[in-house]
Amino acid sequence: MYKKILAAVDGTPHGDGVLGTVASLAKLTGASVHVIHVRPSRVITDGISGGVYTAEEPAEGRQVVEDALARLRADGVTAEGEVDEGLREDLAAILVERAADLGSDLIAVGPGHYSGISALLHNSVSRGVAKTAPVSVLLVRAED
């Protein structure tokens, strides 16, 4: 079964759903969990100048990971974690690459946050992970 699980969290109820499911799965299989939170950046230009901007402060990202680790460890799960940063368009590739680097055999992600016209304009991270990951992908839907 699974030995190393990469769990993507974002500080939303979707991330909480991922943690609950991953904790149960890790306890059943004896897997360790690596939590990752990617602080998404955007390239913004105004025609003359521009730059890469991250809406979330580094301390916020660290807190998301620390809260996730505390929850997993309280459930008796061996867990470590990290905060990464990348362009929103690259989030799926970042998760797949990190899973490969860690030797993960499962990537757990929540569903996209976009609906309607927004879903057409933004890349779905979970869809991107599912399409490109060479390992199993678990899409966890949060309860409403």
Protein backbone atom coordinates (compact mmCIF):
# COMPACT_ATOMS: atom_id res chain seq x y z
CA MET A 1 0.00 0.00 0.00
CA TYR A 2 1.12 3.59 0.41
CA LYS A 3 4.35 4.46 2.22
CA LYS A 4 4.83 8.17 1.49
CA ILE A 5 1.94 10.55 0.94
CA LEU A 6 2.28 14.12 -0.31
CA ALA A 7 -0.63 16.17 1.04
CA ALA A 8 -1.26 19.57 -0.56
CA VAL A 9 -2.93 22.03 1.81
CA ASP A 10 -4.04 25.60 1.36
CA GLY A 11 -5.59 26.67 4.66
CA THR A 12 -9.17 26.27 3.39
CA PRO A 13 -11.82 23.65 4.18
CA HIS A 14 -10.57 21.77 1.09
CA GLY A 15 -7.16 21.44 2.75
CA ASP A 16 -8.81 20.35 6.00
CA GLY A 17 -10.62 17.62 4.08
CA VAL A 18 -7.31 16.45 2.60
CA LEU A 19 -5.77 16.27 6.07
CA GLY A 20 -8.62 14.26 7.57
CA THR A 21 -8.59 11.73 4.76
CA VAL A 22 -4.80 11.49 4.65
CA ALA A 23 -4.61 11.00 8.43
CA SER A 24 -7.03 8.07 8.22
CA LEU A 25 -5.20 6.54 5.28
CA ALA A 26 -1.78 6.99 6.88
CA LYS A 27 -2.92 5.33 10.10
CA LEU A 28 -4.32 2.37 8.14
CA THR A 29 -1.22 1.88 6.00
CA GLY A 30 1.56 3.14 8.27
CA ALA A 31 2.50 5.78 5.69
CA SER A 32 4.35 8.97 6.51
CA VAL A 33 2.94 12.26 5.27
CA HIS A 34 4.74 15.20 3.76
CA VAL A 35 2.59 18.34 3.88
CA ILE A 36 3.18 21.02 1.27
CA HIS A 37 1.69 24.45 0.95
CA VAL A 38 2.55 26.38 -2.18
CA ARG A 39 2.22 30.15 -1.91
CA PRO A 40 0.85 31.06 -5.36
CA SER A 41 2.34 34.03 -7.16
CA ARG A 42 1.12 35.97 -10.17
CA VAL A 43 2.94 37.96 -12.79
CA ILE A 44 1.40 41.41 -13.00
CA THR A 45 2.29 43.96 -15.65
CA ASP A 46 0.93 47.41 -16.29
CA GLY A 47 2.33 47.83 -19.78
CA ILE A 48 5.51 49.57 -18.62
CA SER A 49 6.71 47.62 -15.64
CA GLY A 50 5.64 44.62 -13.69
CA GLY A 51 6.70 41.91 -11.37
CA VAL A 52 5.81 38.75 -9.55
CA TYR A 53 3.51 39.26 -6.59
CA THR A 54 2.48 36.85 -3.85
CA ALA A 55 -0.69 37.80 -2.00
CA GLU A 56 0.13 35.64 1.02
CA GLU A 57 2.79 36.57 3.55
CA PRO A 58 5.49 33.94 4.30
CA ALA A 59 4.30 33.68 7.91
CA GLU A 60 0.80 32.77 6.71
CA GLY A 61 2.14 29.90 4.63
CA ARG A 62 4.26 28.61 7.50
CA GLN A 63 1.21 28.73 9.79
CA VAL A 64 -0.85 26.66 7.33
CA VAL A 65 1.86 23.97 7.38
CA GLU A 66 2.39 24.10 11.15
CA ASP A 67 -1.35 23.72 11.78
CA ALA A 68 -1.49 20.76 9.38
CA LEU A 69 1.50 19.08 11.03
CA ALA A 70 0.04 19.56 14.50
CA ARG A 71 -3.23 17.96 13.40
CA LEU A 72 -1.54 14.96 11.77
CA ARG A 73 0.85 14.41 14.67
CA ALA A 74 -2.03 14.62 17.16
CA ASP A 75 -3.59 11.74 15.20
CA GLY A 76 -0.36 9.74 15.60
CA VAL A 77 0.83 10.22 12.01
CA THR A 78 4.51 10.73 11.20
CA ALA A 79 4.58 14.03 9.32
CA GLU A 80 6.90 16.72 8.05
CA GLY A 81 6.20 19.71 5.87
CA GLU A 82 7.32 22.67 3.84
CA VAL A 83 6.22 25.89 2.23
CA ASP A 84 7.07 26.44 -1.40
CA GLU A 85 6.35 29.26 -3.80
CA GLY A 86 5.47 29.30 -7.47
CA LEU A 87 3.36 30.81 -10.18
CA ARG A 88 -0.30 29.82 -10.04
CA GLU A 89 0.04 28.29 -13.50
CA ASP A 90 2.85 26.02 -12.25
CA LEU A 91 1.23 24.67 -9.06
CA ALA A 92 0.36 21.24 -10.47
CA ALA A 93 3.87 20.78 -11.89
CA ILE A 94 5.38 21.85 -8.56
CA LEU A 95 3.35 19.24 -6.68
CA VAL A 96 4.17 16.45 -9.14
CA GLU A 97 7.87 17.33 -9.12
CA ARG A 98 8.01 17.52 -5.33
CA ALA A 99 6.27 14.15 -5.02
CA ALA A 100 8.88 12.64 -7.32
CA ASP A 101 11.73 14.22 -5.33
CA LEU A 102 10.34 12.78 -2.09
CA GLY A 103 9.55 9.36 -3.53
CA SER A 104 5.87 9.78 -2.73
CA ASP A 105 3.53 7.07 -3.96
CA LEU A 106 0.34 9.11 -3.47
CA ILE A 107 -0.52 12.79 -3.95
CA ALA A 108 -3.60 14.02 -2.09
CA VAL A 109 -5.19 17.28 -3.23
CA GLY A 110 -8.47 19.11 -2.84
CA PRO A 111 -10.67 20.10 -5.75
CA GLY A 112 -10.38 23.41 -7.55
CA HIS A 113 -11.98 26.48 -6.01
CA TYR A 114 -13.27 27.88 -9.29
CA SER A 115 -16.68 27.46 -10.82
CA GLY A 116 -18.57 28.90 -13.76
CA ILE A 117 -16.61 31.21 -16.04
CA SER A 118 -13.71 31.36 -13.55
CA ALA A 119 -13.14 27.63 -14.06
CA LEU A 120 -12.58 28.30 -17.75
CA LEU A 121 -10.10 31.09 -17.10
CA HIS A 122 -7.94 29.40 -14.44
CA ASN A 123 -5.96 26.17 -14.51
CA SER A 124 -7.25 23.45 -12.20
CA VAL A 125 -4.41 22.30 -9.98
CA SER A 126 -6.09 19.00 -9.16
CA ARG A 127 -6.78 18.28 -12.83
CA GLY A 128 -3.18 19.13 -13.72
CA VAL A 129 -1.85 16.83 -11.02
CA ALA A 130 -4.14 14.00 -12.09
CA LYS A 131 -3.10 14.34 -15.74
CA THR A 132 0.66 14.43 -15.16
CA ALA A 133 1.45 12.52 -11.96
CA PRO A 134 3.20 9.17 -12.43
CA VAL A 135 1.76 8.03 -9.08
CA SER A 136 -1.73 7.67 -7.64
CA VAL A 137 -3.70 10.85 -7.03
CA LEU A 138 -6.42 11.17 -4.41
CA LEU A 139 -8.90 14.00 -4.94
CA VAL A 140 -10.55 14.79 -1.62
CA ARG A 141 -13.74 16.81 -1.57
CA ALA A 142 -14.44 18.79 1.59
CA GLU A 143 -17.83 18.46 3.21
CA ASP A 144 -20.04 21.51 2.77
